[in-house]
Amino acid sequence: MNDTQRLIDDTVTRLFGEAVSAESLAAAEQGTWLGELWDAVEGHGLTMVHLDERAGGAGATWHEAFFVARACGDRKSTRLNSS
């Protein structure tokens, strides 16, 4: 894992680990918009991680962007299995 991948992985793991609970996940699955979580995701630049830097993104590769998607799935499975 290179430094960029490690930074992205650490950021999303920490962010979702702190912000997603079994309750918030259940609410989201029922249609509740988790605005604070979305704001945090946007604030960390994760909605544009794969976008070219000239366009305001991080210019991450698909491999680096994978860490964002993986963290989303990990949070769901972790929270569901712990409740």
PDB file of N, CA and C in Angstrom:
ATOM      1  N   MET A   1       0.863  -1.173   0.000  1.00  0.00           N
ATOM      2  CA  MET A   1       0.000   0.000   0.000  1.00  0.00           C
ATOM      3  C   MET A   1       0.908   1.234   0.000  1.00  0.00           C
ATOM      4  N   ASN A   2       0.640   2.156  -0.941  1.00  0.00           N
ATOM      5  CA  ASN A   2       1.456   3.363  -0.977  1.00  0.00           C
ATOM      6  C   ASN A   2       0.895   4.433  -0.019  1.00  0.00           C
ATOM      7  N   ASP A   3       1.572   5.559   0.077  1.00  0.00           N
ATOM      8  CA  ASP A   3       1.173   6.602   1.029  1.00  0.00           C
ATOM      9  C   ASP A   3      -0.219   7.155   0.740  1.00  0.00           C
ATOM     10  N   THR A   4      -0.548   7.354  -0.525  1.00  0.00           N
ATOM     11  CA  THR A   4      -1.874   7.874  -0.884  1.00  0.00           C
ATOM     12  C   THR A   4      -2.952   6.876  -0.511  1.00  0.00           C
ATOM     13  N   GLN A   5      -2.732   5.617  -0.819  1.00  0.00           N
ATOM     14  CA  GLN A   5      -3.696   4.583  -0.467  1.00  0.00           C
ATOM     15  C   GLN A   5      -3.876   4.494   1.044  1.00  0.00           C
ATOM     16  N   ARG A   6      -2.776   4.577   1.768  1.00  0.00           N
ATOM     17  CA  ARG A   6      -2.834   4.514   3.226  1.00  0.00           C
ATOM     18  C   ARG A   6      -3.614   5.704   3.789  1.00  0.00           C
ATOM     19  N   LEU A   7      -3.378   6.899   3.251  1.00  0.00           N
ATOM     20  CA  LEU A   7      -4.092   8.098   3.693  1.00  0.00           C
ATOM     21  C   LEU A   7      -5.586   7.962   3.442  1.00  0.00           C
ATOM     22  N   ILE A   8      -5.954   7.537   2.251  1.00  0.00           N
ATOM     23  CA  ILE A   8      -7.376   7.358   1.925  1.00  0.00           C
ATOM     24  C   ILE A   8      -7.986   6.290   2.818  1.00  0.00           C
ATOM     25  N   ASP A   9      -7.316   5.169   2.952  1.00  0.00           N
ATOM     26  CA  ASP A   9      -7.828   4.068   3.771  1.00  0.00           C
ATOM     27  C   ASP A   9      -7.998   4.497   5.230  1.00  0.00           C
ATOM     28  N   ASP A  10      -7.006   5.158   5.785  1.00  0.00           N
ATOM     29  CA  ASP A  10      -7.090   5.627   7.179  1.00  0.00           C
ATOM     30  C   ASP A  10      -8.229   6.627   7.355  1.00  0.00           C
ATOM     31  N   THR A  11      -8.361   7.536   6.394  1.00  0.00           N
ATOM     32  CA  THR A  11      -9.405   8.567   6.483  1.00  0.00           C
ATOM     33  C   THR A  11     -10.797   7.957   6.458  1.00  0.00           C
ATOM     34  N   VAL A  12     -11.060   7.101   5.477  1.00  0.00           N
ATOM     35  CA  VAL A  12     -12.407   6.545   5.370  1.00  0.00           C
ATOM     36  C   VAL A  12     -12.708   5.562   6.490  1.00  0.00           C
ATOM     37  N   THR A  13     -11.717   4.811   6.912  1.00  0.00           N
ATOM     38  CA  THR A  13     -11.933   3.875   8.015  1.00  0.00           C
ATOM     39  C   THR A  13     -12.293   4.629   9.291  1.00  0.00           C
ATOM     40  N   ARG A  14     -11.557   5.692   9.574  1.00  0.00           N
ATOM     41  CA  ARG A  14     -11.843   6.502  10.760  1.00  0.00           C
ATOM     42  C   ARG A  14     -13.199   7.194  10.642  1.00  0.00           C
ATOM     43  N   LEU A  15     -13.446   7.821   9.491  1.00  0.00           N
ATOM     44  CA  LEU A  15     -14.682   8.564   9.290  1.00  0.00           C
ATOM     45  C   LEU A  15     -15.905   7.678   9.443  1.00  0.00           C
ATOM     46  N   PHE A  16     -15.942   6.573   8.712  1.00  0.00           N
ATOM     47  CA  PHE A  16     -17.110   5.699   8.791  1.00  0.00           C
ATOM     48  C   PHE A  16     -17.185   4.968  10.125  1.00  0.00           C
ATOM     49  N   GLY A  17     -16.048   4.653  10.685  1.00  0.00           N
ATOM     50  CA  GLY A  17     -16.041   3.993  11.985  1.00  0.00           C
ATOM     51  C   GLY A  17     -16.645   4.857  13.076  1.00  0.00           C
ATOM     52  N   GLU A  18     -16.401   6.159  12.994  1.00  0.00           N
ATOM     53  CA  GLU A  18     -16.938   7.088  13.986  1.00  0.00           C
ATOM     54  C   GLU A  18     -18.375   7.503  13.684  1.00  0.00           C
ATOM     55  N   ALA A  19     -18.736   7.593  12.416  1.00  0.00           N
ATOM     56  CA  ALA A  19     -20.000   8.206  12.035  1.00  0.00           C
ATOM     57  C   ALA A  19     -21.142   7.230  11.784  1.00  0.00           C
ATOM     58  N   VAL A  20     -20.832   5.966  11.564  1.00  0.00           N
ATOM     59  CA  VAL A  20     -21.881   5.010  11.211  1.00  0.00           C
ATOM     60  C   VAL A  20     -22.118   4.055  12.372  1.00  0.00           C
ATOM     61  N   SER A  21     -23.343   4.049  12.820  1.00  0.00           N
ATOM     62  CA  SER A  21     -23.753   3.122  13.884  1.00  0.00           C
ATOM     63  C   SER A  21     -24.821   2.196  13.315  1.00  0.00           C
ATOM     64  N   ALA A  22     -25.159   1.171  14.053  1.00  0.00           N
ATOM     65  CA  ALA A  22     -26.230   0.276  13.615  1.00  0.00           C
ATOM     66  C   ALA A  22     -27.524   1.058  13.437  1.00  0.00           C
ATOM     67  N   GLU A  23     -27.749   2.028  14.313  1.00  0.00           N
ATOM     68  CA  GLU A  23     -28.970   2.832  14.248  1.00  0.00           C
ATOM     69  C   GLU A  23     -28.982   3.735  13.018  1.00  0.00           C
ATOM     70  N   SER A  24     -27.853   4.404  12.752  1.00  0.00           N
ATOM     71  CA  SER A  24     -27.818   5.294  11.591  1.00  0.00           C
ATOM     72  C   SER A  24     -27.891   4.499  10.292  1.00  0.00           C
ATOM     73  N   LEU A  25     -27.283   3.330  10.272  1.00  0.00           N
ATOM     74  CA  LEU A  25     -27.351   2.478   9.096  1.00  0.00           C
ATOM     75  C   LEU A  25     -28.787   2.027   8.849  1.00  0.00           C
ATOM     76  N   ALA A  26     -29.474   1.617   9.902  1.00  0.00           N
ATOM     77  CA  ALA A  26     -30.871   1.196   9.759  1.00  0.00           C
ATOM     78  C   ALA A  26     -31.738   2.356   9.289  1.00  0.00           C
ATOM     79  N   ALA A  27     -31.493   3.540   9.827  1.00  0.00           N
ATOM     80  CA  ALA A  27     -32.258   4.715   9.411  1.00  0.00           C
ATOM     81  C   ALA A  27     -32.017   5.022   7.937  1.00  0.00           C
ATOM     82  N   ALA A  28     -30.763   4.954   7.510  1.00  0.00           N
ATOM     83  CA  ALA A  28     -30.442   5.219   6.103  1.00  0.00           C
ATOM     84  C   ALA A  28     -31.122   4.202   5.192  1.00  0.00           C
ATOM     85  N   GLU A  29     -31.152   2.960   5.612  1.00  0.00           N
ATOM     86  CA  GLU A  29     -31.781   1.935   4.794  1.00  0.00           C
ATOM     87  C   GLU A  29     -33.295   2.095   4.730  1.00  0.00           C
ATOM     88  N   GLN A  30     -33.848   2.871   5.665  1.00  0.00           N
ATOM     89  CA  GLN A  30     -35.283   3.179   5.652  1.00  0.00           C
ATOM     90  C   GLN A  30     -35.573   4.493   4.934  1.00  0.00           C
ATOM     91  N   GLY A  31     -34.514   5.128   4.416  1.00  0.00           N
ATOM     92  CA  GLY A  31     -34.710   6.340   3.625  1.00  0.00           C
ATOM     93  C   GLY A  31     -34.326   7.641   4.302  1.00  0.00           C
ATOM     94  N   THR A  32     -33.818   7.582   5.524  1.00  0.00           N
ATOM     95  CA  THR A  32     -33.396   8.796   6.217  1.00  0.00           C
ATOM     96  C   THR A  32     -32.083   9.291   5.629  1.00  0.00           C
ATOM     97  N   TRP A  33     -32.042  10.567   5.268  1.00  0.00           N
ATOM     98  CA  TRP A  33     -30.828  11.168   4.723  1.00  0.00           C
ATOM     99  C   TRP A  33     -29.881  11.484   5.876  1.00  0.00           C
ATOM    100  N   LEU A  34     -28.669  10.982   5.815  1.00  0.00           N
ATOM    101  CA  LEU A  34     -27.669  11.236   6.849  1.00  0.00           C
ATOM    102  C   LEU A  34     -26.816  12.424   6.420  1.00  0.00           C
ATOM    103  N   GLY A  35     -27.387  13.606   6.569  1.00  0.00           N
ATOM    104  CA  GLY A  35     -26.756  14.826   6.097  1.00  0.00           C
ATOM    105  C   GLY A  35     -25.403  15.110   6.723  1.00  0.00           C
ATOM    106  N   GLU A  36     -25.268  14.881   8.004  1.00  0.00           N
ATOM    107  CA  GLU A  36     -23.986  15.138   8.659  1.00  0.00           C
ATOM    108  C   GLU A  36     -22.896  14.205   8.123  1.00  0.00           C
ATOM    109  N   LEU A  37     -23.256  12.965   7.881  1.00  0.00           N
ATOM    110  CA  LEU A  37     -22.287  12.026   7.322  1.00  0.00           C
ATOM    111  C   LEU A  37     -21.898  12.458   5.909  1.00  0.00           C
ATOM    112  N   TRP A  38     -22.885  12.817   5.089  1.00  0.00           N
ATOM    113  CA  TRP A  38     -22.590  13.260   3.733  1.00  0.00           C
ATOM    114  C   TRP A  38     -21.694  14.496   3.752  1.00  0.00           C
ATOM    115  N   ASP A  39     -21.990  15.443   4.646  1.00  0.00           N
ATOM    116  CA  ASP A  39     -21.163  16.644   4.755  1.00  0.00           C
ATOM    117  C   ASP A  39     -19.715  16.283   5.099  1.00  0.00           C
ATOM    118  N   ALA A  40     -19.550  15.319   5.985  1.00  0.00           N
ATOM    119  CA  ALA A  40     -18.198  14.890   6.371  1.00  0.00           C
ATOM    120  C   ALA A  40     -17.496  14.206   5.200  1.00  0.00           C
ATOM    121  N   VAL A  41     -18.229  13.375   4.471  1.00  0.00           N
ATOM    122  CA  VAL A  41     -17.659  12.690   3.312  1.00  0.00           C
ATOM    123  C   VAL A  41     -17.224  13.727   2.270  1.00  0.00           C
ATOM    124  N   GLU A  42     -18.084  14.695   2.004  1.00  0.00           N
ATOM    125  CA  GLU A  42     -17.730  15.761   1.063  1.00  0.00           C
ATOM    126  C   GLU A  42     -16.568  16.600   1.585  1.00  0.00           C
ATOM    127  N   GLY A  43     -16.593  16.906   2.872  1.00  0.00           N
ATOM    128  CA  GLY A  43     -15.551  17.728   3.472  1.00  0.00           C
ATOM    129  C   GLY A  43     -14.167  17.104   3.371  1.00  0.00           C
ATOM    130  N   HIS A  44     -14.118  15.794   3.352  1.00  0.00           N
ATOM    131  CA  HIS A  44     -12.846  15.077   3.205  1.00  0.00           C
ATOM    132  C   HIS A  44     -12.485  14.859   1.738  1.00  0.00           C
ATOM    133  N   GLY A  45     -13.328  15.349   0.829  1.00  0.00           N
ATOM    134  CA  GLY A  45     -13.052  15.211  -0.593  1.00  0.00           C
ATOM    135  C   GLY A  45     -13.310  13.830  -1.157  1.00  0.00           C
ATOM    136  N   LEU A  46     -14.034  13.013  -0.417  1.00  0.00           N
ATOM    137  CA  LEU A  46     -14.207  11.620  -0.832  1.00  0.00           C
ATOM    138  C   LEU A  46     -15.219  11.441  -1.959  1.00  0.00           C
ATOM    139  N   THR A  47     -16.077  12.430  -2.181  1.00  0.00           N
ATOM    140  CA  THR A  47     -17.028  12.324  -3.282  1.00  0.00           C
ATOM    141  C   THR A  47     -16.355  12.609  -4.619  1.00  0.00           C
ATOM    142  N   MET A  48     -15.155  13.168  -4.564  1.00  0.00           N
ATOM    143  CA  MET A  48     -14.446  13.508  -5.793  1.00  0.00           C
ATOM    144  C   MET A  48     -13.039  12.914  -5.812  1.00  0.00           C
ATOM    145  N   VAL A  49     -12.829  11.846  -5.083  1.00  0.00           N
ATOM    146  CA  VAL A  49     -11.501  11.260  -4.940  1.00  0.00           C
ATOM    147  C   VAL A  49     -10.914  10.842  -6.287  1.00  0.00           C
ATOM    148  N   HIS A  50     -11.742  10.386  -7.196  1.00  0.00           N
ATOM    149  CA  HIS A  50     -11.240   9.901  -8.479  1.00  0.00           C
ATOM    150  C   HIS A  50     -11.193  11.001  -9.539  1.00  0.00           C
ATOM    151  N   LEU A  51     -11.791  12.130  -9.268  1.00  0.00           N
ATOM    152  CA  LEU A  51     -11.809  13.245 -10.216  1.00  0.00           C
ATOM    153  C   LEU A  51     -10.415  13.838 -10.359  1.00  0.00           C
ATOM    154  N   ASP A  52     -10.077  14.244 -11.570  1.00  0.00           N
ATOM    155  CA  ASP A  52      -8.778  14.845 -11.842  1.00  0.00           C
ATOM    156  C   ASP A  52      -8.541  16.070 -10.952  1.00  0.00           C
ATOM    157  N   GLU A  53      -7.321  16.263 -10.531  1.00  0.00           N
ATOM    158  CA  GLU A  53      -6.971  17.391  -9.657  1.00  0.00           C
ATOM    159  C   GLU A  53      -7.307  18.737 -10.293  1.00  0.00           C
ATOM    160  N   ARG A  54      -7.174  18.852 -11.613  1.00  0.00           N
ATOM    161  CA  ARG A  54      -7.496  20.114 -12.289  1.00  0.00           C
ATOM    162  C   ARG A  54      -8.973  20.446 -12.175  1.00  0.00           C
ATOM    163  N   ALA A  55      -9.789  19.451 -11.907  1.00  0.00           N
ATOM    164  CA  ALA A  55     -11.224  19.644 -11.771  1.00  0.00           C
ATOM    165  C   ALA A  55     -11.652  19.694 -10.304  1.00  0.00           C
ATOM    166  N   GLY A  56     -10.684  19.729  -9.397  1.00  0.00           N
ATOM    167  CA  GLY A  56     -11.001  19.838  -7.973  1.00  0.00           C
ATOM    168  C   GLY A  56     -10.991  18.538  -7.205  1.00  0.00           C
ATOM    169  N   GLY A  57     -10.627  17.454  -7.863  1.00  0.00           N
ATOM    170  CA  GLY A  57     -10.592  16.161  -7.194  1.00  0.00           C
ATOM    171  C   GLY A  57      -9.214  15.841  -6.644  1.00  0.00           C
ATOM    172  N   ALA A  58      -9.063  14.608  -6.220  1.00  0.00           N
ATOM    173  CA  ALA A  58      -7.791  14.162  -5.664  1.00  0.00           C
ATOM    174  C   ALA A  58      -6.909  13.501  -6.715  1.00  0.00           C
ATOM    175  N   GLY A  59      -7.487  13.186  -7.863  1.00  0.00           N
ATOM    176  CA  GLY A  59      -6.710  12.528  -8.903  1.00  0.00           C
ATOM    177  C   GLY A  59      -6.309  11.109  -8.559  1.00  0.00           C
ATOM    178  N   ALA A  60      -7.084  10.466  -7.715  1.00  0.00           N
ATOM    179  CA  ALA A  60      -6.762   9.105  -7.287  1.00  0.00           C
ATOM    180  C   ALA A  60      -6.998   8.110  -8.420  1.00  0.00           C
ATOM    181  N   THR A  61      -6.259   7.043  -8.382  1.00  0.00           N
ATOM    182  CA  THR A  61      -6.454   5.951  -9.339  1.00  0.00           C
ATOM    183  C   THR A  61      -7.692   5.155  -8.928  1.00  0.00           C
ATOM    184  N   TRP A  62      -8.129   4.267  -9.816  1.00  0.00           N
ATOM    185  CA  TRP A  62      -9.248   3.390  -9.448  1.00  0.00           C
ATOM    186  C   TRP A  62      -8.871   2.533  -8.249  1.00  0.00           C
ATOM    187  N   HIS A  63      -7.633   2.101  -8.189  1.00  0.00           N
ATOM    188  CA  HIS A  63      -7.194   1.285  -7.056  1.00  0.00           C
ATOM    189  C   HIS A  63      -7.301   2.075  -5.760  1.00  0.00           C
ATOM    190  N   GLU A  64      -6.920   3.339  -5.784  1.00  0.00           N
ATOM    191  CA  GLU A  64      -7.010   4.171  -4.585  1.00  0.00           C
ATOM    192  C   GLU A  64      -8.465   4.484  -4.235  1.00  0.00           C
ATOM    193  N   ALA A  65      -9.294   4.711  -5.254  1.00  0.00           N
ATOM    194  CA  ALA A  65     -10.713   4.977  -5.012  1.00  0.00           C
ATOM    195  C   ALA A  65     -11.413   3.748  -4.421  1.00  0.00           C
ATOM    196  N   PHE A  66     -10.878   2.575  -4.696  1.00  0.00           N
ATOM    197  CA  PHE A  66     -11.427   1.338  -4.155  1.00  0.00           C
ATOM    198  C   PHE A  66     -11.521   1.383  -2.632  1.00  0.00           C
ATOM    199  N   PHE A  67     -10.555   2.029  -1.978  1.00  0.00           N
ATOM    200  CA  PHE A  67     -10.546   2.066  -0.516  1.00  0.00           C
ATOM    201  C   PHE A  67     -11.775   2.776   0.042  1.00  0.00           C
ATOM    202  N   VAL A  68     -12.295   3.753  -0.697  1.00  0.00           N
ATOM    203  CA  VAL A  68     -13.514   4.444  -0.267  1.00  0.00           C
ATOM    204  C   VAL A  68     -14.689   3.477  -0.332  1.00  0.00           C
ATOM    205  N   ALA A  69     -14.840   2.802  -1.451  1.00  0.00           N
ATOM    206  CA  ALA A  69     -15.945   1.853  -1.607  1.00  0.00           C
ATOM    207  C   ALA A  69     -15.846   0.715  -0.599  1.00  0.00           C
ATOM    208  N   ARG A  70     -14.648   0.212  -0.393  1.00  0.00           N
ATOM    209  CA  ARG A  70     -14.469  -0.892   0.558  1.00  0.00           C
ATOM    210  C   ARG A  70     -14.854  -0.471   1.968  1.00  0.00           C
ATOM    211  N   ALA A  71     -14.475   0.726   2.365  1.00  0.00           N
ATOM    212  CA  ALA A  71     -14.801   1.199   3.711  1.00  0.00           C
ATOM    213  C   ALA A  71     -16.305   1.313   3.909  1.00  0.00           C
ATOM    214  N   CYS A  72     -17.019   1.717   2.868  1.00  0.00           N
ATOM    215  CA  CYS A  72     -18.482   1.788   2.969  1.00  0.00           C
ATOM    216  C   CYS A  72     -19.058   0.408   3.259  1.00  0.00           C
ATOM    217  N   GLY A  73     -18.611  -0.587   2.529  1.00  0.00           N
ATOM    218  CA  GLY A  73     -19.093  -1.948   2.741  1.00  0.00           C
ATOM    219  C   GLY A  73     -18.649  -2.528   4.064  1.00  0.00           C
ATOM    220  N   ASP A  74     -17.419  -2.228   4.464  1.00  0.00           N
ATOM    221  CA  ASP A  74     -16.906  -2.726   5.739  1.00  0.00           C
ATOM    222  C   ASP A  74     -17.720  -2.186   6.904  1.00  0.00           C
ATOM    223  N   ARG A  75     -18.069  -0.917   6.849  1.00  0.00           N
ATOM    224  CA  ARG A  75     -18.846  -0.329   7.939  1.00  0.00           C
ATOM    225  C   ARG A  75     -20.187  -1.014   8.049  1.00  0.00           C
ATOM    226  N   LYS A  76     -20.824  -1.278   6.914  1.00  0.00           N
ATOM    227  CA  LYS A  76     -22.133  -1.924   6.948  1.00  0.00           C
ATOM    228  C   LYS A  76     -22.020  -3.321   7.537  1.00  0.00           C
ATOM    229  N   SER A  77     -21.094  -4.110   7.057  1.00  0.00           N
ATOM    230  CA  SER A  77     -20.997  -5.478   7.550  1.00  0.00           C
ATOM    231  C   SER A  77     -20.564  -5.517   9.009  1.00  0.00           C
ATOM    232  N   THR A  78     -19.659  -4.625   9.395  1.00  0.00           N
ATOM    233  CA  THR A  78     -19.207  -4.578  10.790  1.00  0.00           C
ATOM    234  C   THR A  78     -20.360  -4.213  11.718  1.00  0.00           C
ATOM    235  N   ARG A  79     -21.115  -3.184  11.337  1.00  0.00           N
ATOM    236  CA  ARG A  79     -22.221  -2.725  12.188  1.00  0.00           C
ATOM    237  C   ARG A  79     -23.332  -3.748  12.265  1.00  0.00           C
ATOM    238  N   LEU A  80     -23.635  -4.388  11.162  1.00  0.00           N
ATOM    239  CA  LEU A  80     -24.718  -5.381  11.177  1.00  0.00           C
ATOM    240  C   LEU A  80     -24.314  -6.608  11.990  1.00  0.00           C
ATOM    241  N   ASN A  81     -23.073  -7.008  11.888  1.00  0.00           N
ATOM    242  CA  ASN A  81     -22.623  -8.191  12.621  1.00  0.00           C
ATOM    243  C   ASN A  81     -22.427  -7.931  14.112  1.00  0.00           C
ATOM    244  N   SER A  82     -22.290  -6.654  14.491  1.00  0.00           N
ATOM    245  CA  SER A  82     -22.071  -6.367  15.912  1.00  0.00           C
ATOM    246  C   SER A  82     -23.363  -6.023  16.636  1.00  0.00           C
ATOM    247  N   SER A  83     -24.473  -5.903  15.898  1.00  0.00           N
ATOM    248  CA  SER A  83     -25.734  -5.542  16.571  1.00  0.00           C
ATOM    249  C   SER A  83     -26.584  -6.751  16.873  1.00  0.00           C
TER     250      SER A  83
END
